[in-house]
N, C-alpha and C. Protein backbone atom coordinates (compact mmCIF):
# COMPACT_ATOMS: atom_id res chain seq x y z
N MET A 1 93.98 92.87 98.77
CA MET A 1 94.92 93.40 99.74
C MET A 1 95.84 94.37 99.01
N ARG A 2 96.09 95.50 99.63
CA ARG A 2 96.94 96.52 99.03
C ARG A 2 98.37 96.41 99.56
N THR A 3 99.29 96.97 98.79
CA THR A 3 100.69 97.00 99.21
C THR A 3 101.01 98.38 99.77
N ALA A 4 101.28 98.42 101.05
CA ALA A 4 101.63 99.68 101.72
C ALA A 4 103.14 99.86 101.71
N VAL A 5 103.56 101.11 101.58
CA VAL A 5 104.97 101.47 101.78
C VAL A 5 104.99 102.26 103.08
N VAL A 6 105.60 101.65 104.10
CA VAL A 6 105.63 102.23 105.44
C VAL A 6 107.04 102.77 105.69
N ARG A 7 107.12 104.01 106.13
CA ARG A 7 108.40 104.64 106.43
C ARG A 7 108.53 104.80 107.94
N ILE A 8 109.70 104.45 108.46
CA ILE A 8 109.93 104.55 109.90
C ILE A 8 111.32 105.11 110.14
N ASP A 9 111.39 106.16 110.95
CA ASP A 9 112.67 106.73 111.38
C ASP A 9 113.09 105.96 112.61
N VAL A 10 114.12 105.12 112.45
CA VAL A 10 114.54 104.25 113.55
C VAL A 10 115.49 104.94 114.52
N ASP A 11 115.96 106.13 114.14
CA ASP A 11 116.95 106.82 114.99
C ASP A 11 116.63 108.31 115.05
N PRO A 12 115.47 108.67 115.61
CA PRO A 12 115.09 110.08 115.63
C PRO A 12 116.04 110.96 116.45
N ASP A 13 116.72 110.38 117.44
CA ASP A 13 117.66 111.16 118.27
C ASP A 13 119.08 111.13 117.71
N ARG A 14 119.30 110.40 116.63
CA ARG A 14 120.59 110.30 115.95
C ARG A 14 121.69 109.81 116.90
N ILE A 15 121.40 108.69 117.56
CA ILE A 15 122.35 108.14 118.53
C ILE A 15 123.02 106.85 118.06
N LEU A 16 122.54 106.26 116.98
CA LEU A 16 123.07 104.98 116.53
C LEU A 16 124.43 105.16 115.84
N THR A 17 125.36 104.32 116.23
CA THR A 17 126.64 104.27 115.53
C THR A 17 126.45 103.42 114.27
N PRO A 18 127.36 103.53 113.30
CA PRO A 18 127.24 102.69 112.11
C PRO A 18 127.19 101.20 112.45
N ALA A 19 127.99 100.77 113.42
CA ALA A 19 128.00 99.35 113.80
C ALA A 19 126.66 98.94 114.41
N ARG A 20 126.11 99.79 115.28
CA ARG A 20 124.82 99.48 115.92
C ARG A 20 123.70 99.48 114.90
N ARG A 21 123.77 100.39 113.93
CA ARG A 21 122.76 100.43 112.87
C ARG A 21 122.84 99.14 112.05
N ALA A 22 124.04 98.72 111.68
CA ALA A 22 124.20 97.49 110.90
C ALA A 22 123.66 96.29 111.66
N ALA A 23 123.95 96.22 112.96
CA ALA A 23 123.44 95.12 113.78
C ALA A 23 121.91 95.16 113.85
N GLY A 24 121.37 96.35 113.98
CA GLY A 24 119.91 96.50 114.01
C GLY A 24 119.27 96.06 112.70
N LEU A 25 119.90 96.41 111.58
CA LEU A 25 119.36 95.99 110.29
C LEU A 25 119.38 94.48 110.15
N ARG A 26 120.45 93.84 110.61
CA ARG A 26 120.50 92.38 110.56
C ARG A 26 119.38 91.78 111.41
N ALA A 27 119.21 92.30 112.61
CA ALA A 27 118.16 91.80 113.50
C ALA A 27 116.78 92.04 112.89
N LEU A 28 116.61 93.19 112.29
CA LEU A 28 115.32 93.53 111.70
C LEU A 28 114.98 92.61 110.54
N ARG A 29 115.95 92.30 109.72
CA ARG A 29 115.70 91.40 108.59
C ARG A 29 115.25 90.03 109.08
N ALA A 30 115.73 89.62 110.23
CA ALA A 30 115.32 88.33 110.79
C ALA A 30 113.93 88.40 111.42
N ASP A 31 113.47 89.61 111.78
CA ASP A 31 112.23 89.78 112.53
C ASP A 31 111.07 90.29 111.67
N ALA A 32 111.33 91.12 110.68
CA ALA A 32 110.25 91.78 109.94
C ALA A 32 110.37 91.49 108.45
N THR A 33 109.25 91.46 107.80
CA THR A 33 109.24 91.23 106.37
C THR A 33 109.04 92.55 105.64
N GLY A 34 109.49 92.59 104.40
CA GLY A 34 109.22 93.74 103.56
C GLY A 34 110.21 94.87 103.64
N LEU A 35 111.34 94.69 104.34
CA LEU A 35 112.32 95.76 104.45
C LEU A 35 112.96 96.01 103.10
N CYS A 36 112.95 97.27 102.67
CA CYS A 36 113.61 97.67 101.44
C CYS A 36 114.99 98.22 101.79
N GLU A 37 115.94 98.01 100.94
CA GLU A 37 117.26 98.58 101.18
C GLU A 37 117.13 100.10 101.15
N ASN A 38 117.65 100.75 102.17
CA ASN A 38 117.58 102.20 102.23
C ASN A 38 118.72 102.69 103.10
N PRO A 39 119.70 103.38 102.50
CA PRO A 39 120.84 103.83 103.28
C PRO A 39 120.54 105.04 104.17
N GLY A 40 119.39 105.66 104.02
CA GLY A 40 119.06 106.84 104.81
C GLY A 40 118.63 106.47 106.22
N VAL A 41 118.27 107.48 106.99
CA VAL A 41 117.83 107.28 108.37
C VAL A 41 116.47 106.59 108.40
N GLU A 42 115.63 106.95 107.46
CA GLU A 42 114.28 106.40 107.43
C GLU A 42 114.28 105.08 106.66
N LEU A 43 113.76 104.04 107.28
CA LEU A 43 113.65 102.76 106.61
C LEU A 43 112.30 102.66 105.92
N ARG A 44 112.28 101.93 104.82
CA ARG A 44 111.03 101.71 104.09
C ARG A 44 110.73 100.22 104.06
N PHE A 45 109.45 99.92 104.24
CA PHE A 45 108.96 98.55 104.19
C PHE A 45 107.84 98.49 103.17
N GLN A 46 107.81 97.44 102.37
CA GLN A 46 106.68 97.18 101.48
C GLN A 46 105.96 95.95 102.02
N VAL A 47 104.70 96.16 102.40
CA VAL A 47 103.97 95.10 103.08
C VAL A 47 102.54 95.04 102.53
N ALA A 48 102.10 93.84 102.19
CA ALA A 48 100.70 93.64 101.80
C ALA A 48 99.86 93.67 103.07
N THR A 49 98.84 94.52 103.09
CA THR A 49 98.05 94.66 104.31
C THR A 49 96.64 95.17 104.01
N ASP A 50 95.72 94.74 104.83
CA ASP A 50 94.36 95.30 104.82
C ASP A 50 94.17 96.20 106.03
N ASP A 51 95.18 96.28 106.90
CA ASP A 51 95.09 97.06 108.13
C ASP A 51 96.38 97.85 108.33
N PRO A 52 96.52 98.99 107.64
CA PRO A 52 97.76 99.76 107.71
C PRO A 52 98.14 100.20 109.13
N ALA A 53 97.18 100.54 109.95
CA ALA A 53 97.49 101.02 111.30
C ALA A 53 98.16 99.92 112.12
N THR A 54 97.65 98.71 112.05
CA THR A 54 98.26 97.59 112.76
C THR A 54 99.62 97.27 112.19
N THR A 55 99.76 97.33 110.88
CA THR A 55 101.04 97.06 110.22
C THR A 55 102.09 98.06 110.69
N VAL A 56 101.73 99.34 110.74
CA VAL A 56 102.68 100.37 111.21
C VAL A 56 103.09 100.08 112.65
N ARG A 57 102.12 99.79 113.51
CA ARG A 57 102.42 99.51 114.91
C ARG A 57 103.36 98.31 115.04
N ASP A 58 103.08 97.25 114.28
CA ASP A 58 103.92 96.05 114.34
C ASP A 58 105.34 96.34 113.86
N LEU A 59 105.47 97.14 112.81
CA LEU A 59 106.80 97.46 112.28
C LEU A 59 107.57 98.38 113.23
N VAL A 60 106.88 99.32 113.86
CA VAL A 60 107.54 100.18 114.85
C VAL A 60 108.05 99.33 116.00
N ASP A 61 107.24 98.38 116.46
CA ASP A 61 107.67 97.48 117.54
C ASP A 61 108.89 96.66 117.12
N ALA A 62 108.87 96.15 115.89
CA ALA A 62 110.01 95.35 115.40
C ALA A 62 111.27 96.21 115.32
N CYS A 63 111.13 97.45 114.88
CA CYS A 63 112.28 98.36 114.81
C CYS A 63 112.81 98.69 116.20
N ALA A 64 111.92 98.88 117.15
CA ALA A 64 112.34 99.18 118.53
C ALA A 64 113.15 98.01 119.10
N ARG A 65 112.70 96.78 118.84
CA ARG A 65 113.44 95.61 119.32
C ARG A 65 114.81 95.52 118.64
N ALA A 66 114.84 95.77 117.35
CA ALA A 66 116.08 95.60 116.58
C ALA A 66 117.12 96.67 116.89
N PHE A 67 116.69 97.90 117.11
CA PHE A 67 117.64 99.00 117.26
C PHE A 67 117.77 99.51 118.69
N GLY A 68 116.82 99.16 119.56
CA GLY A 68 116.86 99.65 120.93
C GLY A 68 116.60 101.14 121.01
N THR A 69 115.83 101.67 120.07
CA THR A 69 115.49 103.09 120.04
C THR A 69 113.97 103.23 120.13
N GLU A 70 113.49 104.46 120.05
CA GLU A 70 112.06 104.72 119.99
C GLU A 70 111.73 105.23 118.59
N PRO A 71 111.50 104.31 117.66
CA PRO A 71 111.24 104.69 116.27
C PRO A 71 109.98 105.53 116.12
N VAL A 72 109.98 106.35 115.09
CA VAL A 72 108.86 107.24 114.80
C VAL A 72 108.31 106.88 113.41
N PRO A 73 107.02 106.54 113.35
CA PRO A 73 106.46 106.22 112.03
C PRO A 73 106.38 107.46 111.17
N GLY A 74 106.57 107.26 109.88
CA GLY A 74 106.45 108.35 108.91
C GLY A 74 105.23 108.14 108.04
N THR A 75 105.33 108.63 106.85
CA THR A 75 104.22 108.57 105.91
C THR A 75 103.99 107.15 105.41
N VAL A 76 102.73 106.80 105.25
CA VAL A 76 102.36 105.53 104.64
C VAL A 76 101.73 105.85 103.29
N THR A 77 102.26 105.24 102.24
CA THR A 77 101.67 105.38 100.92
C THR A 77 101.35 103.98 100.41
N PHE A 78 100.74 103.91 99.26
CA PHE A 78 100.36 102.61 98.72
C PHE A 78 100.81 102.48 97.28
N LEU A 79 101.31 101.29 96.95
CA LEU A 79 101.62 100.98 95.57
C LEU A 79 100.31 100.62 94.90
N SER A 80 100.21 100.93 93.64
CA SER A 80 98.99 100.60 92.92
C SER A 80 99.32 99.84 91.66
N ARG A 81 98.58 98.79 91.47
CA ARG A 81 98.74 97.98 90.26
C ARG A 81 97.48 98.08 89.39
N GLY A 82 96.60 99.00 89.78
CA GLY A 82 95.38 99.21 89.01
C GLY A 82 94.31 98.16 89.25
N THR A 83 94.40 97.47 90.37
CA THR A 83 93.45 96.39 90.65
C THR A 83 92.19 96.92 91.35
N ASP A 84 91.20 96.05 91.41
CA ASP A 84 89.98 96.40 92.14
C ASP A 84 90.28 96.63 93.62
N ASP A 85 91.23 95.86 94.18
CA ASP A 85 91.63 96.08 95.58
C ASP A 85 92.17 97.50 95.76
N ASP A 86 92.92 98.00 94.78
CA ASP A 86 93.42 99.36 94.86
C ASP A 86 92.27 100.36 94.88
N ALA A 87 91.26 100.13 94.05
CA ALA A 87 90.10 101.02 94.02
C ALA A 87 89.37 101.01 95.36
N HIS A 88 89.18 99.81 95.92
CA HIS A 88 88.51 99.70 97.23
C HIS A 88 89.35 100.39 98.31
N GLY A 89 90.66 100.31 98.21
CA GLY A 89 91.53 100.97 99.18
C GLY A 89 91.41 102.48 99.11
N VAL A 90 91.33 103.03 97.90
CA VAL A 90 91.14 104.48 97.75
C VAL A 90 89.81 104.89 98.37
N LEU A 91 88.78 104.13 98.07
CA LEU A 91 87.47 104.44 98.65
C LEU A 91 87.52 104.38 100.17
N ALA A 92 88.18 103.37 100.71
CA ALA A 92 88.28 103.24 102.17
C ALA A 92 89.00 104.44 102.77
N GLY A 93 89.97 104.99 102.05
CA GLY A 93 90.68 106.18 102.53
C GLY A 93 89.74 107.37 102.71
N PHE A 94 88.67 107.39 101.95
CA PHE A 94 87.66 108.45 102.09
C PHE A 94 86.52 108.02 103.01
N GLY A 95 86.59 106.81 103.53
CA GLY A 95 85.51 106.30 104.37
C GLY A 95 84.32 105.85 103.55
N LEU A 96 84.55 105.45 102.30
CA LEU A 96 83.48 105.05 101.40
C LEU A 96 83.59 103.57 101.06
N THR A 97 82.48 103.00 100.68
CA THR A 97 82.46 101.66 100.08
C THR A 97 81.69 101.77 98.78
N GLY A 98 82.00 100.90 97.87
CA GLY A 98 81.31 100.93 96.58
C GLY A 98 81.58 99.66 95.81
N ASP A 99 80.91 99.55 94.69
CA ASP A 99 81.09 98.41 93.80
C ASP A 99 81.99 98.83 92.65
N VAL A 100 82.97 97.99 92.34
CA VAL A 100 83.92 98.27 91.28
C VAL A 100 83.69 97.29 90.14
N GLY A 101 83.61 97.81 88.94
CA GLY A 101 83.45 96.97 87.76
C GLY A 101 84.33 97.47 86.64
N ARG A 102 84.34 96.74 85.56
CA ARG A 102 85.15 97.13 84.41
C ARG A 102 84.34 96.94 83.14
N LEU A 103 84.52 97.91 82.23
CA LEU A 103 83.90 97.85 80.92
C LEU A 103 85.01 97.88 79.88
N PRO A 104 84.87 97.11 78.81
CA PRO A 104 85.88 97.20 77.77
C PRO A 104 85.78 98.54 77.05
N ASP A 105 86.91 99.11 76.71
CA ASP A 105 86.96 100.35 75.96
C ASP A 105 86.46 100.07 74.55
N ALA A 106 85.60 100.93 74.03
CA ALA A 106 85.03 100.74 72.70
C ALA A 106 86.11 100.66 71.63
N ALA A 107 87.21 101.33 71.82
CA ALA A 107 88.29 101.34 70.84
C ALA A 107 89.19 100.11 70.98
N GLY A 108 88.88 99.25 71.94
CA GLY A 108 89.66 98.04 72.12
C GLY A 108 90.93 98.25 72.92
N GLY A 109 91.02 99.37 73.60
CA GLY A 109 92.21 99.66 74.38
C GLY A 109 92.08 99.16 75.80
N PHE A 110 92.18 100.06 76.73
CA PHE A 110 92.16 99.73 78.14
C PHE A 110 90.74 99.66 78.68
N ASP A 111 90.58 98.93 79.78
CA ASP A 111 89.29 98.88 80.45
C ASP A 111 88.94 100.24 81.02
N ILE A 112 87.65 100.47 81.14
CA ILE A 112 87.14 101.64 81.84
C ILE A 112 86.63 101.13 83.18
N VAL A 113 87.10 101.72 84.25
CA VAL A 113 86.72 101.27 85.59
C VAL A 113 85.45 102.03 86.00
N THR A 114 84.45 101.28 86.43
CA THR A 114 83.23 101.90 86.95
C THR A 114 83.18 101.69 88.45
N VAL A 115 82.83 102.74 89.15
CA VAL A 115 82.71 102.68 90.60
C VAL A 115 81.33 103.21 90.98
N THR A 116 80.54 102.35 91.59
CA THR A 116 79.19 102.72 91.99
C THR A 116 79.19 103.08 93.47
N LEU A 117 78.74 104.29 93.76
CA LEU A 117 78.70 104.79 95.14
C LEU A 117 77.28 105.20 95.49
N ARG A 118 77.03 105.27 96.78
CA ARG A 118 75.74 105.81 97.23
C ARG A 118 75.79 107.33 97.07
N GLU A 119 74.76 107.90 96.52
CA GLU A 119 74.72 109.34 96.31
C GLU A 119 74.88 110.10 97.63
N ALA A 120 74.33 109.55 98.70
CA ALA A 120 74.43 110.22 100.01
C ALA A 120 75.88 110.34 100.47
N ASP A 121 76.75 109.38 100.08
CA ASP A 121 78.15 109.42 100.48
C ASP A 121 78.88 110.63 99.90
N LEU A 122 78.42 111.08 98.74
CA LEU A 122 79.10 112.21 98.10
C LEU A 122 78.67 113.55 98.69
N ALA A 123 77.80 113.53 99.69
CA ALA A 123 77.44 114.76 100.38
C ALA A 123 78.57 115.24 101.28
N ARG A 124 79.43 114.33 101.71
CA ARG A 124 80.53 114.72 102.60
C ARG A 124 81.89 114.68 101.93
N VAL A 125 82.00 114.02 100.79
CA VAL A 125 83.25 113.98 100.02
C VAL A 125 82.90 114.34 98.59
N THR A 126 83.59 115.32 98.04
CA THR A 126 83.23 115.76 96.69
C THR A 126 83.56 114.70 95.65
N GLU A 127 82.71 114.64 94.67
CA GLU A 127 82.88 113.68 93.58
C GLU A 127 84.22 113.86 92.89
N SER A 128 84.65 115.10 92.71
CA SER A 128 85.90 115.35 92.00
C SER A 128 87.10 114.80 92.77
N ARG A 129 87.11 114.90 94.09
CA ARG A 129 88.22 114.34 94.89
C ARG A 129 88.29 112.83 94.76
N VAL A 130 87.14 112.18 94.83
CA VAL A 130 87.10 110.73 94.72
C VAL A 130 87.55 110.30 93.32
N LEU A 131 87.02 110.96 92.32
CA LEU A 131 87.36 110.62 90.93
C LEU A 131 88.85 110.81 90.66
N THR A 132 89.39 111.93 91.08
CA THR A 132 90.81 112.20 90.86
C THR A 132 91.69 111.17 91.56
N ALA A 133 91.36 110.83 92.80
CA ALA A 133 92.14 109.85 93.54
C ALA A 133 92.07 108.48 92.88
N LEU A 134 90.90 108.08 92.43
CA LEU A 134 90.76 106.79 91.76
C LEU A 134 91.53 106.75 90.45
N GLU A 135 91.42 107.80 89.66
CA GLU A 135 92.14 107.84 88.39
C GLU A 135 93.65 107.80 88.60
N ALA A 136 94.13 108.51 89.60
CA ALA A 136 95.57 108.53 89.88
C ALA A 136 96.04 107.16 90.36
N ALA A 137 95.27 106.52 91.22
CA ALA A 137 95.68 105.23 91.78
C ALA A 137 95.59 104.11 90.75
N LEU A 138 94.62 104.19 89.88
CA LEU A 138 94.39 103.11 88.93
C LEU A 138 95.05 103.35 87.57
N ASN A 139 95.44 104.60 87.32
CA ASN A 139 95.99 104.97 86.01
C ASN A 139 95.04 104.50 84.91
N ALA A 140 93.78 104.84 85.10
CA ALA A 140 92.74 104.40 84.17
C ALA A 140 91.63 105.43 84.13
N GLU A 141 90.81 105.33 83.08
CA GLU A 141 89.61 106.14 83.04
C GLU A 141 88.63 105.56 84.04
N VAL A 142 88.04 106.43 84.85
CA VAL A 142 87.10 105.99 85.88
C VAL A 142 85.79 106.73 85.68
N ARG A 143 84.71 105.99 85.80
CA ARG A 143 83.38 106.59 85.74
C ARG A 143 82.67 106.30 87.05
N LEU A 144 82.23 107.37 87.70
CA LEU A 144 81.48 107.21 88.94
C LEU A 144 80.00 107.07 88.61
N LEU A 145 79.38 106.08 89.18
CA LEU A 145 77.94 105.86 89.02
C LEU A 145 77.31 105.99 90.40
N LEU A 146 76.14 106.59 90.44
CA LEU A 146 75.47 106.81 91.73
C LEU A 146 74.23 105.93 91.83
N ARG A 147 74.00 105.45 93.03
CA ARG A 147 72.78 104.66 93.26
C ARG A 147 71.97 105.31 94.34
């Protein structure tokens, strides 16, 4: 399961008073998990999820109840800890599935992550995009293998 960072603008029309915002934050803390402290207009939530779309919808609903506004979802990003789940999440973002493995580095340093993909899948997504995204998310050397 990956950790999503979900951003939601709870006051797109800028109608909340400081007191109403404070009350909404209190209500939201009682209703939703993962709220990060954020003094800005946009709230951030860190939530473990396998279904980001449902998570966003649920958080928007919770914000609407708490603030009495029509919140607008913002960008969703993901925290990465370099796990196999993170690799599978990156692949899912491209609509791909694959097998993730690890090899010990010959120099005794960090693992080398191997990702096995179907060659046909790379006909619609370039190998370089997948490789770059995996390396950035995992902060590791990645080798793509084709089957």
